[in-house]
Amino acid sequence: MGRKLMTKAIGAANSTPKFTDDEAVAEFFETHDTSRIWKQMKPAKPLSLPSKQVQTMRERYVQRKLSQILGLNAREVTRSRSIARRKSVAVEALLRNWIVEGIRRESRAKYG
């Protein structure tokens, strides 16, 4: 027979308490229905980061995505980024063009 799942009782929340740590936050949201307090919440202030930090974050994101999607290692991503900078294009555009060119070249070679 299957195991019984242990579930926590969900209570209604009328307000958000002050939290001491991330675990307390997780515990609260796992055990409370917060639908009543959404209207009371204030919109978050826009986050303002230094442009250098934004650039670094974007580069890390691109590195991770290129590694995941195309299977490129860190050295290959770094080299392709360097070439893209030299050509003044985004690395994604450069790689897309290389892929399209390769498909065209291979199609011509196979079909004459």
Protein backbone atom coordinates (compact mmCIF):
# COMPACT_ATOMS: atom_id res chain seq x y z
CA MET A 1 0.00 0.00 0.00
CA GLY A 2 1.08 3.60 -0.52
CA ARG A 3 2.37 5.87 2.19
CA LYS A 4 0.13 8.56 3.61
CA LEU A 5 1.36 12.06 2.90
CA MET A 6 1.83 14.28 5.92
CA THR A 7 0.17 17.63 5.35
CA LYS A 8 0.20 20.70 7.52
CA ALA A 9 -3.00 22.49 8.42
CA ILE A 10 -3.40 25.75 6.54
CA GLY A 11 -4.51 28.73 8.62
CA ALA A 12 -5.82 32.06 7.39
CA ALA A 13 -3.42 35.00 7.60
CA ASN A 14 -4.80 38.46 8.28
CA SER A 15 -1.40 40.15 8.29
CA THR A 16 2.24 39.36 7.63
CA PRO A 17 4.34 39.04 10.78
CA LYS A 18 7.96 40.19 11.17
CA PHE A 19 10.31 37.33 10.31
CA THR A 20 13.62 36.50 11.95
CA ASP A 21 15.05 34.38 9.13
CA ASP A 22 14.28 32.72 5.79
CA GLU A 23 13.11 29.51 7.46
CA ALA A 24 10.45 31.43 9.39
CA VAL A 25 9.25 33.01 6.13
CA ALA A 26 9.06 29.60 4.43
CA GLU A 27 7.22 28.09 7.39
CA PHE A 28 4.68 30.94 7.42
CA PHE A 29 3.87 30.74 3.70
CA GLU A 30 3.69 26.93 3.80
CA THR A 31 1.15 26.99 6.62
CA HIS A 32 -1.00 30.06 5.90
CA ASP A 33 -3.48 31.15 3.27
CA THR A 34 -2.28 34.65 2.36
CA SER A 35 -5.08 35.52 -0.08
CA ARG A 36 -6.66 37.93 2.45
CA ILE A 37 -3.52 40.05 2.84
CA TRP A 38 -2.55 40.59 -0.83
CA LYS A 39 -4.63 43.78 -1.05
CA GLN A 40 -2.85 45.19 2.02
CA MET A 41 0.62 44.71 0.54
CA LYS A 42 2.41 47.69 -0.91
CA PRO A 43 4.08 47.46 -4.32
CA ALA A 44 7.79 46.77 -4.16
CA LYS A 45 10.13 49.64 -4.92
CA PRO A 46 11.99 49.27 -8.23
CA LEU A 47 15.43 47.81 -7.73
CA SER A 48 18.25 50.09 -8.82
CA LEU A 49 21.59 48.43 -9.44
CA PRO A 50 24.88 49.90 -10.67
CA SER A 51 25.29 49.35 -14.42
CA LYS A 52 28.49 47.35 -13.87
CA GLN A 53 26.60 44.91 -11.64
CA VAL A 54 23.79 44.60 -14.20
CA GLN A 55 26.35 43.86 -16.91
CA THR A 56 28.05 41.21 -14.75
CA MET A 57 24.70 39.57 -13.97
CA ARG A 58 23.77 39.51 -17.67
CA GLU A 59 27.12 37.98 -18.61
CA ARG A 60 26.67 35.22 -16.02
CA TYR A 61 23.15 34.58 -17.28
CA VAL A 62 24.33 34.35 -20.90
CA GLN A 63 27.22 32.06 -19.87
CA ARG A 64 24.83 29.71 -18.09
CA LYS A 65 22.28 29.69 -20.93
CA LEU A 66 24.88 29.09 -23.64
CA SER A 67 26.32 26.27 -21.58
CA GLN A 68 22.89 24.70 -21.06
CA ILE A 69 21.39 25.19 -24.52
CA LEU A 70 24.39 24.68 -26.77
CA GLY A 71 26.63 22.62 -24.52
CA LEU A 72 29.46 25.14 -24.75
CA ASN A 73 32.10 25.09 -22.04
CA ALA A 74 33.31 28.25 -20.29
CA ARG A 75 36.31 28.67 -22.60
CA GLU A 76 34.14 28.41 -25.74
CA VAL A 77 31.65 30.94 -24.37
CA THR A 78 34.48 33.33 -23.43
CA ARG A 79 36.04 33.05 -26.88
CA SER A 80 32.71 33.56 -28.67
CA ARG A 81 31.96 36.60 -26.46
CA SER A 82 35.37 38.04 -27.35
CA ILE A 83 34.70 37.59 -31.08
CA ALA A 84 31.23 39.11 -30.70
CA ARG A 85 32.67 42.16 -28.90
CA ARG A 86 35.27 42.58 -31.63
CA LYS A 87 32.48 42.49 -34.25
CA SER A 88 30.22 44.75 -32.12
CA VAL A 89 27.34 42.25 -32.03
CA ALA A 90 25.61 40.34 -29.26
CA VAL A 91 27.05 36.90 -28.68
CA GLU A 92 23.60 35.37 -29.21
CA ALA A 93 23.36 36.99 -32.67
CA LEU A 94 26.87 35.83 -33.56
CA LEU A 95 26.17 32.23 -32.58
CA ARG A 96 22.79 32.28 -34.35
CA ASN A 97 24.52 33.47 -37.53
CA TRP A 98 27.17 30.76 -37.23
CA ILE A 99 24.49 28.11 -36.84
CA VAL A 100 22.50 29.42 -39.83
CA GLU A 101 25.67 29.57 -41.95
CA GLY A 102 26.55 26.01 -40.95
CA ILE A 103 23.06 24.76 -41.84
CA ARG A 104 23.26 26.46 -45.26
CA ARG A 105 26.76 25.11 -45.91
CA GLU A 106 25.79 21.56 -44.90
CA SER A 107 22.57 21.73 -46.95
CA ARG A 108 24.50 22.77 -50.08
CA ALA A 109 27.12 20.06 -49.55
CA LYS A 110 24.50 17.33 -49.16
CA TYR A 111 22.14 18.41 -51.95
CA GLY A 112 24.63 19.86 -54.37
